[in-house]
Amino acid sequence: MGSHLARAEATAFLTQVLDRGLRITPLSDPDRLHTNQFNAFKRLQVRVEKGGQS
């Protein structure tokens, strides 16, 4: 159930980002978390801006 919930949350978040016309830009390379179970971002600095229509 955890992975399904995470996917649903990510989909809802990204849908809202697109609907609101926001632009997310990374400011640096991510700090990665490497384990035997998953490869994830530990930290990723971003800038969120109101984007214009391109």
PDB file of N, CA and C in Angstrom:
ATOM      1  N   MET A   1       0.819  -1.189   0.000  1.00  0.00           N
ATOM      2  CA  MET A   1       0.000   0.000   0.000  1.00  0.00           C
ATOM      3  C   MET A   1       0.866   1.257   0.000  1.00  0.00           C
ATOM      4  N   GLY A   2       2.024   1.224   0.619  1.00  0.00           N
ATOM      5  CA  GLY A   2       2.866   2.406   0.725  1.00  0.00           C
ATOM      6  C   GLY A   2       3.294   2.965  -0.614  1.00  0.00           C
ATOM      7  N   SER A   3       3.729   2.098  -1.529  1.00  0.00           N
ATOM      8  CA  SER A   3       4.188   2.588  -2.833  1.00  0.00           C
ATOM      9  C   SER A   3       3.025   3.139  -3.657  1.00  0.00           C
ATOM     10  N   HIS A   4       1.844   2.534  -3.518  1.00  0.00           N
ATOM     11  CA  HIS A   4       0.682   3.032  -4.254  1.00  0.00           C
ATOM     12  C   HIS A   4       0.266   4.414  -3.748  1.00  0.00           C
ATOM     13  N   LEU A   5       0.311   4.595  -2.444  1.00  0.00           N
ATOM     14  CA  LEU A   5      -0.010   5.895  -1.858  1.00  0.00           C
ATOM     15  C   LEU A   5       1.012   6.941  -2.285  1.00  0.00           C
ATOM     16  N   ALA A   6       2.292   6.579  -2.285  1.00  0.00           N
ATOM     17  CA  ALA A   6       3.341   7.517  -2.700  1.00  0.00           C
ATOM     18  C   ALA A   6       3.139   7.940  -4.157  1.00  0.00           C
ATOM     19  N   ARG A   7       2.790   6.992  -5.025  1.00  0.00           N
ATOM     20  CA  ARG A   7       2.537   7.342  -6.434  1.00  0.00           C
ATOM     21  C   ARG A   7       1.335   8.265  -6.562  1.00  0.00           C
ATOM     22  N   ALA A   8       0.273   7.992  -5.813  1.00  0.00           N
ATOM     23  CA  ALA A   8      -0.925   8.839  -5.856  1.00  0.00           C
ATOM     24  C   ALA A   8      -0.605  10.245  -5.362  1.00  0.00           C
ATOM     25  N   GLU A   9       0.180  10.347  -4.293  1.00  0.00           N
ATOM     26  CA  GLU A   9       0.565  11.664  -3.774  1.00  0.00           C
ATOM     27  C   GLU A   9       1.430  12.423  -4.778  1.00  0.00           C
ATOM     28  N   ALA A  10       2.372  11.738  -5.396  1.00  0.00           N
ATOM     29  CA  ALA A  10       3.237  12.386  -6.382  1.00  0.00           C
ATOM     30  C   ALA A  10       2.421  12.861  -7.580  1.00  0.00           C
ATOM     31  N   THR A  11       1.471  12.043  -8.024  1.00  0.00           N
ATOM     32  CA  THR A  11       0.615  12.433  -9.148  1.00  0.00           C
ATOM     33  C   THR A  11      -0.223  13.650  -8.794  1.00  0.00           C
ATOM     34  N   ALA A  12      -0.814  13.656  -7.598  1.00  0.00           N
ATOM     35  CA  ALA A  12      -1.623  14.798  -7.165  1.00  0.00           C
ATOM     36  C   ALA A  12      -0.762  16.061  -7.075  1.00  0.00           C
ATOM     37  N   PHE A  13       0.446  15.944  -6.521  1.00  0.00           N
ATOM     38  CA  PHE A  13       1.345  17.095  -6.399  1.00  0.00           C
ATOM     39  C   PHE A  13       1.712  17.657  -7.765  1.00  0.00           C
ATOM     40  N   LEU A  14       2.145  16.779  -8.670  1.00  0.00           N
ATOM     41  CA  LEU A  14       2.567  17.254  -9.995  1.00  0.00           C
ATOM     42  C   LEU A  14       1.406  17.818 -10.797  1.00  0.00           C
ATOM     43  N   THR A  15       0.223  17.267 -10.628  1.00  0.00           N
ATOM     44  CA  THR A  15      -0.966  17.816 -11.290  1.00  0.00           C
ATOM     45  C   THR A  15      -1.228  19.237 -10.813  1.00  0.00           C
ATOM     46  N   GLN A  16      -1.123  19.463  -9.498  1.00  0.00           N
ATOM     47  CA  GLN A  16      -1.332  20.808  -8.951  1.00  0.00           C
ATOM     48  C   GLN A  16      -0.251  21.773  -9.426  1.00  0.00           C
ATOM     49  N   VAL A  17       0.979  21.313  -9.508  1.00  0.00           N
ATOM     50  CA  VAL A  17       2.073  22.166 -10.000  1.00  0.00           C
ATOM     51  C   VAL A  17       1.757  22.621 -11.423  1.00  0.00           C
ATOM     52  N   LEU A  18       1.343  21.700 -12.279  1.00  0.00           N
ATOM     53  CA  LEU A  18       1.024  22.045 -13.669  1.00  0.00           C
ATOM     54  C   LEU A  18      -0.204  22.935 -13.754  1.00  0.00           C
ATOM     55  N   ASP A  19      -1.243  22.621 -12.985  1.00  0.00           N
ATOM     56  CA  ASP A  19      -2.478  23.412 -13.016  1.00  0.00           C
ATOM     57  C   ASP A  19      -2.247  24.849 -12.567  1.00  0.00           C
ATOM     58  N   ARG A  20      -1.342  25.050 -11.649  1.00  0.00           N
ATOM     59  CA  ARG A  20      -1.062  26.398 -11.135  1.00  0.00           C
ATOM     60  C   ARG A  20      -0.011  27.137 -11.944  1.00  0.00           C
ATOM     61  N   GLY A  21       0.543  26.476 -12.933  1.00  0.00           N
ATOM     62  CA  GLY A  21       1.533  27.120 -13.789  1.00  0.00           C
ATOM     63  C   GLY A  21       2.856  27.378 -13.094  1.00  0.00           C
ATOM     64  N   LEU A  22       3.235  26.508 -12.170  1.00  0.00           N
ATOM     65  CA  LEU A  22       4.489  26.680 -11.446  1.00  0.00           C
ATOM     66  C   LEU A  22       5.629  26.019 -12.197  1.00  0.00           C
ATOM     67  N   ARG A  23       6.813  26.561 -11.982  1.00  0.00           N
ATOM     68  CA  ARG A  23       8.012  25.999 -12.590  1.00  0.00           C
ATOM     69  C   ARG A  23       8.998  25.668 -11.463  1.00  0.00           C
ATOM     70  N   ILE A  24       9.491  24.440 -11.453  1.00  0.00           N
ATOM     71  CA  ILE A  24      10.440  23.992 -10.436  1.00  0.00           C
ATOM     72  C   ILE A  24      11.794  23.811 -11.106  1.00  0.00           C
ATOM     73  N   THR A  25      12.796  24.539 -10.597  1.00  0.00           N
ATOM     74  CA  THR A  25      14.134  24.510 -11.162  1.00  0.00           C
ATOM     75  C   THR A  25      15.128  24.048 -10.106  1.00  0.00           C
ATOM     76  N   PRO A  26      15.917  22.998 -10.381  1.00  0.00           N
ATOM     77  CA  PRO A  26      16.925  22.580  -9.400  1.00  0.00           C
ATOM     78  C   PRO A  26      18.034  23.623  -9.295  1.00  0.00           C
ATOM     79  N   LEU A  27      18.495  23.871  -8.078  1.00  0.00           N
ATOM     80  CA  LEU A  27      19.566  24.840  -7.841  1.00  0.00           C
ATOM     81  C   LEU A  27      20.932  24.183  -7.728  1.00  0.00           C
ATOM     82  N   SER A  28      20.959  22.886  -7.468  1.00  0.00           N
ATOM     83  CA  SER A  28      22.224  22.161  -7.346  1.00  0.00           C
ATOM     84  C   SER A  28      21.969  20.685  -7.622  1.00  0.00           C
ATOM     85  N   ASP A  29      23.035  19.926  -7.683  1.00  0.00           N
ATOM     86  CA  ASP A  29      22.889  18.484  -7.823  1.00  0.00           C
ATOM     87  C   ASP A  29      22.308  17.909  -6.536  1.00  0.00           C
ATOM     88  N   PRO A  30      21.517  16.842  -6.636  1.00  0.00           N
ATOM     89  CA  PRO A  30      20.912  16.269  -5.436  1.00  0.00           C
ATOM     90  C   PRO A  30      21.923  15.519  -4.577  1.00  0.00           C
ATOM     91  N   ASP A  31      21.680  15.526  -3.272  1.00  0.00           N
ATOM     92  CA  ASP A  31      22.395  14.627  -2.363  1.00  0.00           C
ATOM     93  C   ASP A  31      21.620  13.326  -2.408  1.00  0.00           C
ATOM     94  N   ARG A  32      22.293  12.245  -2.780  1.00  0.00           N
ATOM     95  CA  ARG A  32      21.605  10.966  -2.954  1.00  0.00           C
ATOM     96  C   ARG A  32      21.740  10.088  -1.721  1.00  0.00           C
ATOM     97  N   LEU A  33      20.715   9.281  -1.512  1.00  0.00           N
ATOM     98  CA  LEU A  33      20.700   8.283  -0.458  1.00  0.00           C
ATOM     99  C   LEU A  33      20.783   6.925  -1.133  1.00  0.00           C
ATOM    100  N   HIS A  34      21.874   6.234  -0.935  1.00  0.00           N
ATOM    101  CA  HIS A  34      22.072   4.924  -1.550  1.00  0.00           C
ATOM    102  C   HIS A  34      21.946   3.842  -0.486  1.00  0.00           C
ATOM    103  N   THR A  35      21.007   2.944  -0.696  1.00  0.00           N
ATOM    104  CA  THR A  35      20.855   1.787   0.177  1.00  0.00           C
ATOM    105  C   THR A  35      20.655   0.558  -0.698  1.00  0.00           C
ATOM    106  N   ASN A  36      20.571  -0.592  -0.088  1.00  0.00           N
ATOM    107  CA  ASN A  36      20.302  -1.817  -0.835  1.00  0.00           C
ATOM    108  C   ASN A  36      18.865  -1.887  -1.323  1.00  0.00           C
ATOM    109  N   GLN A  37      17.963  -1.136  -0.691  1.00  0.00           N
ATOM    110  CA  GLN A  37      16.546  -1.227  -1.031  1.00  0.00           C
ATOM    111  C   GLN A  37      16.099  -0.188  -2.048  1.00  0.00           C
ATOM    112  N   PHE A  38      16.664   0.999  -2.016  1.00  0.00           N
ATOM    113  CA  PHE A  38      16.243   2.027  -2.958  1.00  0.00           C
ATOM    114  C   PHE A  38      17.346   3.052  -3.173  1.00  0.00           C
ATOM    115  N   ASN A  39      17.189   3.794  -4.238  1.00  0.00           N
ATOM    116  CA  ASN A  39      18.106   4.854  -4.619  1.00  0.00           C
ATOM    117  C   ASN A  39      17.270   6.128  -4.674  1.00  0.00           C
ATOM    118  N   ALA A  40      17.430   6.991  -3.686  1.00  0.00           N
ATOM    119  CA  ALA A  40      16.541   8.144  -3.573  1.00  0.00           C
ATOM    120  C   ALA A  40      17.346   9.426  -3.371  1.00  0.00           C
ATOM    121  N   PHE A  41      16.640  10.543  -3.443  1.00  0.00           N
ATOM    122  CA  PHE A  41      17.238  11.832  -3.107  1.00  0.00           C
ATOM    123  C   PHE A  41      17.099  12.051  -1.614  1.00  0.00           C
ATOM    124  N   LYS A  42      18.179  12.440  -0.978  1.00  0.00           N
ATOM    125  CA  LYS A  42      18.126  12.821   0.429  1.00  0.00           C
ATOM    126  C   LYS A  42      17.778  14.308   0.528  1.00  0.00           C
ATOM    127  N   ARG A  43      18.362  15.079  -0.388  1.00  0.00           N
ATOM    128  CA  ARG A  43      18.141  16.531  -0.387  1.00  0.00           C
ATOM    129  C   ARG A  43      18.288  17.045  -1.808  1.00  0.00           C
ATOM    130  N   LEU A  44      17.377  17.930  -2.205  1.00  0.00           N
ATOM    131  CA  LEU A  44      17.450  18.566  -3.511  1.00  0.00           C
ATOM    132  C   LEU A  44      16.928  19.988  -3.363  1.00  0.00           C
ATOM    133  N   GLN A  45      17.815  20.948  -3.521  1.00  0.00           N
ATOM    134  CA  GLN A  45      17.400  22.350  -3.423  1.00  0.00           C
ATOM    135  C   GLN A  45      16.803  22.793  -4.746  1.00  0.00           C
ATOM    136  N   VAL A  46      15.620  23.408  -4.671  1.00  0.00           N
ATOM    137  CA  VAL A  46      14.920  23.851  -5.872  1.00  0.00           C
ATOM    138  C   VAL A  46      14.396  25.269  -5.680  1.00  0.00           C
ATOM    139  N   ARG A  47      14.073  25.895  -6.792  1.00  0.00           N
ATOM    140  CA  ARG A  47      13.395  27.190  -6.799  1.00  0.00           C
ATOM    141  C   ARG A  47      12.037  26.955  -7.444  1.00  0.00           C
ATOM    142  N   VAL A  48      10.991  27.445  -6.796  1.00  0.00           N
ATOM    143  CA  VAL A  48       9.639  27.331  -7.336  1.00  0.00           C
ATOM    144  C   VAL A  48       9.196  28.728  -7.748  1.00  0.00           C
ATOM    145  N   GLU A  49       8.842  28.876  -9.032  1.00  0.00           N
ATOM    146  CA  GLU A  49       8.444  30.170  -9.567  1.00  0.00           C
ATOM    147  C   GLU A  49       7.146  30.022 -10.338  1.00  0.00           C
ATOM    148  N   LYS A  50       6.415  31.105 -10.358  1.00  0.00           N
ATOM    149  CA  LYS A  50       5.230  31.166 -11.201  1.00  0.00           C
ATOM    150  C   LYS A  50       5.710  31.273 -12.632  1.00  0.00           C
ATOM    151  N   GLY A  51       5.379  30.294 -13.461  1.00  0.00           N
ATOM    152  CA  GLY A  51       5.840  30.262 -14.846  1.00  0.00           C
ATOM    153  C   GLY A  51       4.851  30.909 -15.782  1.00  0.00           C
ATOM    154  N   GLY A  52       5.359  31.371 -16.900  1.00  0.00           N
ATOM    155  CA  GLY A  52       4.514  31.921 -17.939  1.00  0.00           C
ATOM    156  C   GLY A  52       4.210  30.866 -18.982  1.00  0.00           C
ATOM    157  N   GLN A  53       3.303  31.169 -19.852  1.00  0.00           N
ATOM    158  CA  GLN A  53       2.969  30.253 -20.940  1.00  0.00           C
ATOM    159  C   GLN A  53       4.082  30.309 -21.970  1.00  0.00           C
ATOM    160  N   SER A  54       4.594  29.150 -22.372  1.00  0.00           N
ATOM    161  CA  SER A  54       5.660  29.088 -23.363  1.00  0.00           C
ATOM    162  C   SER A  54       5.116  28.680 -24.703  1.00  0.00           C
TER     163      SER A  54
END
